[in-house]
Each structure stands twice: as structure tokens, then as C-alpha cells.
Amino acid sequence: MRLQETKDTLRRKQEEQRQLQKFNDFLESIVQDMGNQNGGGAGANAGDNEAFQNIEELQNRFKNLKSENEKLMRRKQAINREMELARQQEAVRLGELQNVLYE
């Protein structure tokens, strides 16, 4: 049982890593694009600092969006649990009413 839980956790983490890789690739492409725009030479250091600040802002935005997404997903799961519980209660109540009706 414990081994299966560990395997499930590993699969979830691998899937999360795979999904986050898209964003990592995106951020790396932005860094490369900004590096290409800044060019080489003496002025490159100032441009690199500006690009880094923009990447930090982008990373922070991504973290905020990810956090908001996690909150929404938890809320969705809660709503789904509530709906399933309501369905089960309705089924029980319907059965009780049918029993009363047929008595």
C-alpha cells in the first residue's frame, strides 16, 4: 500500500514537472530574446540587469497565476464533492420517498 502511494506521488510530481517545463522553456526563450535584443559590447551589462528584472516580474506573475489556479482547482474539487454528496443524499431521500409511497 505504501509503495503504491509513493508511486502515485512520483507520477503526480512528474506530471507537474512536465507541465511546468513549458513555462520554464517560455521564460528561457524570453531571456534569450532579450539577450539578443541587447546585443554584445560594453552596454550589455545594463541591458542584462533590465532583462533580469523583467524576468523576475514575469516569474512573479507566473507564481501568482499558479497560486490562483491552485485555489480555483481546490474550490472546484470542493464543489464537486458537495455535488456528489448532494446526489447521494437525493438518491437516499428518493428511495425513502418511494418506500413511503409504496407502503
C-alpha atoms as a PDB file:
ATOM      1  CA  MET A   1       0.000   0.000   0.000  1.00  0.00           C
ATOM      2  CA  ARG A   2       2.775   2.457   0.949  1.00  0.00           C
ATOM      3  CA  LEU A   3       4.688   1.626  -2.234  1.00  0.00           C
ATOM      4  CA  GLN A   4       1.625   2.387  -4.344  1.00  0.00           C
ATOM      5  CA  GLU A   5       1.169   5.753  -2.605  1.00  0.00           C
ATOM      6  CA  THR A   6       4.813   6.597  -3.275  1.00  0.00           C
ATOM      7  CA  LYS A   7       4.456   5.625  -6.929  1.00  0.00           C
ATOM      8  CA  ASP A   8       1.304   7.756  -7.230  1.00  0.00           C
ATOM      9  CA  THR A   9       3.089  10.703  -5.647  1.00  0.00           C
ATOM     10  CA  LEU A  10       6.007  10.244  -8.032  1.00  0.00           C
ATOM     11  CA  ARG A  11       3.650  10.188 -11.039  1.00  0.00           C
ATOM     12  CA  ARG A  12       1.893  13.358  -9.858  1.00  0.00           C
ATOM     13  CA  LYS A  13       5.212  15.149  -9.323  1.00  0.00           C
ATOM     14  CA  GLN A  14       6.494  14.054 -12.738  1.00  0.00           C
ATOM     15  CA  GLU A  15       3.304  15.303 -14.385  1.00  0.00           C
ATOM     16  CA  GLU A  16       3.582  18.618 -12.547  1.00  0.00           C
ATOM     17  CA  GLN A  17       7.222  18.915 -13.596  1.00  0.00           C
ATOM     18  CA  ARG A  18       6.267  18.173 -17.209  1.00  0.00           C
ATOM     19  CA  GLN A  19       3.587  20.874 -17.132  1.00  0.00           C
ATOM     20  CA  LEU A  20       5.907  23.427 -15.547  1.00  0.00           C
ATOM     21  CA  GLN A  21       8.609  22.688 -18.123  1.00  0.00           C
ATOM     22  CA  LYS A  22       6.518  24.593 -20.694  1.00  0.00           C
ATOM     23  CA  PHE A  23       6.711  27.723 -18.573  1.00  0.00           C
ATOM     24  CA  ASN A  24      10.402  27.228 -17.906  1.00  0.00           C
ATOM     25  CA  ASP A  25      11.044  26.946 -21.648  1.00  0.00           C
ATOM     26  CA  PHE A  26       8.963  30.079 -22.213  1.00  0.00           C
ATOM     27  CA  LEU A  27      10.939  32.059 -19.625  1.00  0.00           C
ATOM     28  CA  GLU A  28      14.229  30.852 -21.087  1.00  0.00           C
ATOM     29  CA  SER A  29      13.137  31.950 -24.566  1.00  0.00           C
ATOM     30  CA  ILE A  30      12.336  35.413 -23.207  1.00  0.00           C
ATOM     31  CA  VAL A  31      15.769  35.651 -21.609  1.00  0.00           C
ATOM     32  CA  GLN A  32      17.384  34.620 -24.904  1.00  0.00           C
ATOM     33  CA  ASP A  33      15.272  37.097 -26.902  1.00  0.00           C
ATOM     34  CA  MET A  34      16.150  39.929 -24.542  1.00  0.00           C
ATOM     35  CA  GLY A  35      19.815  38.949 -24.683  1.00  0.00           C
ATOM     36  CA  ASN A  36      19.689  39.060 -28.478  1.00  0.00           C
ATOM     37  CA  GLN A  37      17.993  42.484 -28.416  1.00  0.00           C
ATOM     38  CA  ASN A  38      20.597  43.887 -26.029  1.00  0.00           C
ATOM     39  CA  GLY A  39      23.477  42.655 -28.173  1.00  0.00           C
ATOM     40  CA  GLY A  40      27.068  42.446 -27.025  1.00  0.00           C
ATOM     41  CA  GLY A  41      29.690  45.002 -26.164  1.00  0.00           C
ATOM     42  CA  ALA A  42      30.151  47.483 -23.321  1.00  0.00           C
ATOM     43  CA  GLY A  43      26.454  48.315 -22.843  1.00  0.00           C
ATOM     44  CA  ALA A  44      25.358  44.713 -22.472  1.00  0.00           C
ATOM     45  CA  ASN A  45      25.554  44.633 -18.660  1.00  0.00           C
ATOM     46  CA  ALA A  46      22.959  47.380 -18.146  1.00  0.00           C
ATOM     47  CA  GLY A  47      20.622  45.636 -20.564  1.00  0.00           C
ATOM     48  CA  ASP A  48      21.148  42.325 -18.801  1.00  0.00           C
ATOM     49  CA  ASN A  49      20.060  43.828 -15.480  1.00  0.00           C
ATOM     50  CA  GLU A  50      16.918  45.257 -17.060  1.00  0.00           C
ATOM     51  CA  ALA A  51      16.110  41.926 -18.675  1.00  0.00           C
ATOM     52  CA  PHE A  52      16.596  40.135 -15.373  1.00  0.00           C
ATOM     53  CA  GLN A  53      14.156  42.464 -13.614  1.00  0.00           C
ATOM     54  CA  ASN A  54      11.579  41.810 -16.312  1.00  0.00           C
ATOM     55  CA  ILE A  55      12.087  38.068 -15.968  1.00  0.00           C
ATOM     56  CA  GLU A  56      11.628  38.360 -12.201  1.00  0.00           C
ATOM     57  CA  GLU A  57       8.380  40.230 -12.763  1.00  0.00           C
ATOM     58  CA  LEU A  58       7.281  37.561 -15.212  1.00  0.00           C
ATOM     59  CA  GLN A  59       8.225  34.799 -12.775  1.00  0.00           C
ATOM     60  CA  ASN A  60       6.292  36.534 -10.002  1.00  0.00           C
ATOM     61  CA  ARG A  61       3.281  36.871 -12.272  1.00  0.00           C
ATOM     62  CA  PHE A  62       3.522  33.183 -13.129  1.00  0.00           C
ATOM     63  CA  LYS A  63       3.739  32.263  -9.425  1.00  0.00           C
ATOM     64  CA  ASN A  64       0.677  34.403  -8.696  1.00  0.00           C
ATOM     65  CA  LEU A  65      -1.264  32.812 -11.545  1.00  0.00           C
ATOM     66  CA  LYS A  66      -0.209  29.335 -10.455  1.00  0.00           C
ATOM     67  CA  SER A  67      -1.304  30.069  -6.888  1.00  0.00           C
ATOM     68  CA  GLU A  68      -4.651  31.400  -8.094  1.00  0.00           C
ATOM     69  CA  ASN A  69      -5.094  28.352 -10.309  1.00  0.00           C
ATOM     70  CA  GLU A  70      -4.413  26.043  -7.358  1.00  0.00           C
ATOM     71  CA  LYS A  71      -7.004  27.896  -5.269  1.00  0.00           C
ATOM     72  CA  LEU A  72      -9.558  27.604  -8.066  1.00  0.00           C
ATOM     73  CA  MET A  73      -8.811  23.910  -8.523  1.00  0.00           C
ATOM     74  CA  ARG A  74      -9.263  23.286  -4.783  1.00  0.00           C
ATOM     75  CA  ARG A  75     -12.553  25.189  -4.884  1.00  0.00           C
ATOM     76  CA  LYS A  76     -13.673  23.168  -7.910  1.00  0.00           C
ATOM     77  CA  GLN A  77     -12.847  19.934  -6.077  1.00  0.00           C
ATOM     78  CA  ALA A  78     -14.822  21.121  -3.048  1.00  0.00           C
ATOM     79  CA  ILE A  79     -17.801  21.967  -5.241  1.00  0.00           C
ATOM     80  CA  ASN A  80     -17.579  18.572  -6.941  1.00  0.00           C
ATOM     81  CA  ARG A  81     -17.514  16.844  -3.534  1.00  0.00           C
ATOM     82  CA  GLU A  82     -20.542  18.877  -2.433  1.00  0.00           C
ATOM     83  CA  MET A  83     -22.396  17.964  -5.621  1.00  0.00           C
ATOM     84  CA  GLU A  84     -21.594  14.261  -5.197  1.00  0.00           C
ATOM     85  CA  LEU A  85     -22.763  14.353  -1.589  1.00  0.00           C
ATOM     86  CA  ALA A  86     -25.985  16.108  -2.663  1.00  0.00           C
ATOM     87  CA  ARG A  87     -26.558  13.443  -5.351  1.00  0.00           C
ATOM     88  CA  GLN A  88     -26.078  10.677  -2.814  1.00  0.00           C
ATOM     89  CA  GLN A  89     -28.437  12.359  -0.346  1.00  0.00           C
ATOM     90  CA  GLU A  90     -31.028  12.848  -3.095  1.00  0.00           C
ATOM     91  CA  ALA A  91     -30.786   9.176  -4.047  1.00  0.00           C
ATOM     92  CA  VAL A  92     -31.302   8.116  -0.430  1.00  0.00           C
ATOM     93  CA  ARG A  93     -34.191  10.545   0.017  1.00  0.00           C
ATOM     94  CA  LEU A  94     -35.790   9.400  -3.230  1.00  0.00           C
ATOM     95  CA  GLY A  95     -35.545   5.800  -2.065  1.00  0.00           C
ATOM     96  CA  GLU A  96     -37.159   6.710   1.248  1.00  0.00           C
ATOM     97  CA  LEU A  97     -39.980   8.547  -0.515  1.00  0.00           C
ATOM     98  CA  GLN A  98     -40.569   5.625  -2.870  1.00  0.00           C
ATOM     99  CA  ASN A  99     -40.746   3.266   0.123  1.00  0.00           C
ATOM    100  CA  VAL A 100     -43.288   5.533   1.817  1.00  0.00           C
ATOM    101  CA  LEU A 101     -45.272   5.840  -1.424  1.00  0.00           C
ATOM    102  CA  TYR A 102     -45.489   2.080  -1.940  1.00  0.00           C
ATOM    103  CA  GLU A 103     -46.403   1.242   1.677  1.00  0.00           C
END
